[in-house]
N, C-alpha and C. Protein backbone atom coordinates (compact mmCIF):
# COMPACT_ATOMS: atom_id res chain seq x y z
N MET A 1 0.79 -1.21 0.05
CA MET A 1 -0.11 0.16 -0.08
C MET A 1 0.83 1.24 0.10
N THR A 2 1.95 1.10 0.75
CA THR A 2 2.90 2.46 0.83
C THR A 2 3.35 2.80 -0.48
N ALA A 3 3.96 1.69 -1.32
CA ALA A 3 4.61 1.91 -2.39
C ALA A 3 3.48 2.35 -3.48
N ARG A 4 2.39 2.01 -3.39
CA ARG A 4 1.34 2.42 -4.30
C ARG A 4 0.89 3.95 -4.15
N LEU A 5 0.94 4.46 -2.88
CA LEU A 5 0.50 5.75 -2.38
C LEU A 5 1.65 6.56 -3.01
N LEU A 6 2.82 6.16 -2.68
CA LEU A 6 4.13 6.90 -2.98
C LEU A 6 4.08 7.18 -4.63
N GLU A 7 3.86 6.17 -5.30
CA GLU A 7 3.88 5.98 -6.77
C GLU A 7 2.72 7.14 -7.31
N HIS A 8 1.65 6.96 -6.85
CA HIS A 8 0.58 8.00 -7.15
C HIS A 8 0.75 9.65 -6.89
N PHE A 9 1.17 9.52 -5.56
CA PHE A 9 1.21 10.98 -4.94
C PHE A 9 2.55 11.52 -4.56
N LYS A 10 3.84 11.11 -5.12
CA LYS A 10 5.02 11.59 -4.54
C LYS A 10 5.22 12.94 -4.66
N GLN A 11 4.72 13.57 -5.81
CA GLN A 11 4.93 15.01 -5.72
C GLN A 11 4.06 15.78 -4.99
N LYS A 12 2.81 15.40 -4.48
CA LYS A 12 1.88 15.91 -3.79
C LYS A 12 2.00 15.72 -2.08
N LEU A 13 2.62 14.72 -1.93
CA LEU A 13 2.81 14.33 -0.48
C LEU A 13 3.69 15.30 0.33
N GLN A 14 3.60 15.79 1.47
CA GLN A 14 4.65 16.49 2.25
C GLN A 14 5.09 15.52 3.23
N SER A 15 4.49 14.47 3.60
CA SER A 15 5.09 13.33 4.35
C SER A 15 4.20 12.23 4.27
N LEU A 16 4.68 11.13 4.81
CA LEU A 16 3.76 9.87 4.99
C LEU A 16 4.67 9.16 6.10
N THR A 17 3.73 8.93 7.04
CA THR A 17 4.11 8.27 8.24
C THR A 17 3.54 6.62 8.42
N LEU A 18 4.52 5.86 8.73
CA LEU A 18 3.95 4.48 9.04
C LEU A 18 4.24 4.23 10.49
N ILE A 19 3.17 3.73 11.04
CA ILE A 19 3.41 3.37 12.56
C ILE A 19 2.94 1.89 12.61
N PRO A 20 3.85 1.22 12.93
CA PRO A 20 3.85 -0.29 13.15
C PRO A 20 2.82 -0.63 14.17
N ALA A 21 1.88 -1.45 14.11
CA ALA A 21 1.03 -1.94 15.18
C ALA A 21 0.71 -3.33 14.96
N GLY A 22 0.25 -3.93 16.03
CA GLY A 22 -0.35 -5.32 15.96
C GLY A 22 -1.84 -5.49 15.96
N GLY A 23 -2.03 -6.61 16.09
CA GLY A 23 -3.69 -6.93 16.20
C GLY A 23 -4.65 -6.55 15.13
N GLY A 24 -4.21 -6.62 14.04
CA GLY A 24 -5.01 -6.17 12.93
C GLY A 24 -5.32 -4.81 12.66
N CYS A 25 -4.65 -3.88 13.23
CA CYS A 25 -4.90 -2.53 13.23
C CYS A 25 -4.39 -1.95 11.95
N PHE A 26 -5.10 -1.33 11.00
CA PHE A 26 -4.60 -0.72 9.77
C PHE A 26 -5.55 0.19 9.48
N GLU A 27 -5.07 1.45 9.77
CA GLU A 27 -5.85 2.73 9.35
C GLU A 27 -5.12 3.72 8.61
N ILE A 28 -5.81 4.42 7.87
CA ILE A 28 -5.17 5.59 6.98
C ILE A 28 -5.93 6.85 7.11
N ALA A 29 -5.12 7.71 7.41
CA ALA A 29 -5.69 9.32 7.53
C ALA A 29 -5.00 10.10 6.73
N VAL A 30 -5.66 11.15 6.30
CA VAL A 30 -5.16 12.15 5.54
C VAL A 30 -5.41 13.47 6.17
N ASN A 31 -4.39 14.33 6.59
CA ASN A 31 -4.44 15.51 7.39
C ASN A 31 -5.47 15.26 8.63
N GLY A 32 -5.01 14.06 9.21
CA GLY A 32 -5.84 13.94 10.69
C GLY A 32 -7.18 13.27 10.33
N GLU A 33 -7.66 13.31 9.09
CA GLU A 33 -9.01 12.74 8.94
C GLU A 33 -8.80 11.13 8.52
N LEU A 34 -9.52 10.35 9.35
CA LEU A 34 -9.58 8.85 9.30
C LEU A 34 -10.52 8.49 7.94
N ILE A 35 -9.70 7.93 6.90
CA ILE A 35 -10.50 7.49 5.81
C ILE A 35 -10.57 6.15 5.50
N TYR A 36 -10.06 5.35 6.65
CA TYR A 36 -10.13 3.90 6.37
C TYR A 36 -9.76 3.29 7.75
N SER A 37 -10.35 2.19 8.30
CA SER A 37 -9.89 1.57 9.50
C SER A 37 -10.29 0.15 9.14
N LYS A 38 -9.41 -0.69 9.24
CA LYS A 38 -9.70 -2.20 9.08
C LYS A 38 -10.14 -2.65 10.45
N LEU A 39 -9.88 -1.91 11.43
CA LEU A 39 -10.69 -2.52 12.79
C LEU A 39 -12.27 -2.06 12.66
N LYS A 40 -12.45 -1.18 11.94
CA LYS A 40 -14.09 -0.90 11.73
C LYS A 40 -14.60 -1.92 10.72
N THR A 41 -13.98 -2.14 9.63
CA THR A 41 -14.48 -3.11 8.48
C THR A 41 -14.19 -4.28 8.71
N GLY A 42 -13.16 -4.83 9.38
CA GLY A 42 -12.59 -6.17 9.55
C GLY A 42 -11.91 -6.76 8.22
N GLU A 43 -11.77 -5.89 7.03
CA GLU A 43 -11.28 -6.07 5.98
C GLU A 43 -10.18 -5.29 5.68
N PHE A 44 -9.04 -5.88 4.73
CA PHE A 44 -8.01 -5.14 4.22
C PHE A 44 -8.51 -4.26 3.06
N PRO A 45 -8.14 -2.87 3.21
CA PRO A 45 -8.74 -1.95 1.98
C PRO A 45 -8.35 -2.37 0.58
N ASN A 46 -9.25 -2.02 -0.28
CA ASN A 46 -9.13 -1.99 -1.70
C ASN A 46 -8.02 -0.93 -2.05
N GLU A 47 -6.92 -1.16 -2.52
CA GLU A 47 -5.91 -0.08 -2.98
C GLU A 47 -6.34 1.07 -3.70
N GLN A 48 -7.30 0.76 -4.79
CA GLN A 48 -7.72 1.82 -5.69
C GLN A 48 -8.77 2.66 -4.89
N LEU A 49 -9.50 2.11 -4.15
CA LEU A 49 -10.54 2.79 -2.99
C LEU A 49 -9.69 3.85 -2.35
N ILE A 50 -8.62 3.33 -1.61
CA ILE A 50 -7.95 4.28 -0.83
C ILE A 50 -7.10 5.20 -1.71
N ILE A 51 -6.65 5.10 -2.86
CA ILE A 51 -6.01 6.03 -3.78
C ILE A 51 -7.00 6.99 -4.24
N ASP A 52 -8.10 6.71 -4.40
CA ASP A 52 -9.18 7.61 -4.75
C ASP A 52 -9.70 8.46 -3.61
N GLU A 53 -9.77 8.00 -2.48
CA GLU A 53 -10.18 8.80 -1.18
C GLU A 53 -8.97 9.67 -1.00
N VAL A 54 -7.83 9.38 -1.10
CA VAL A 54 -6.59 10.39 -0.89
C VAL A 54 -6.63 11.36 -1.89
N MET A 55 -6.84 10.91 -3.16
CA MET A 55 -6.92 12.14 -4.31
C MET A 55 -8.00 13.10 -3.98
N LYS A 56 -9.07 12.66 -3.63
CA LYS A 56 -10.22 13.67 -3.31
C LYS A 56 -9.63 14.65 -2.12
N ARG A 57 -8.92 14.25 -1.27
CA ARG A 57 -8.37 15.10 -0.13
C ARG A 57 -7.35 16.03 -0.46
N LEU A 58 -6.38 15.62 -1.51
CA LEU A 58 -5.38 16.34 -1.99
C LEU A 58 -5.68 17.46 -2.96
N ASN A 59 -6.81 17.09 -3.65
CA ASN A 59 -7.10 18.26 -4.68
C ASN A 59 -7.87 19.61 -4.24
């Protein structure tokens, strides 16, 4: 997921922070806004869905 985000947004991102965690925690936030939580859905996110959601917030 990190590689795909960097591939699509490397010129638009000021920073990208990875925080290792256990217990199935996988969350993605843009400017402090949570856009995906595996803890809530129980599923790993679709990469294209995440790219689309990030794109909406960077434009």
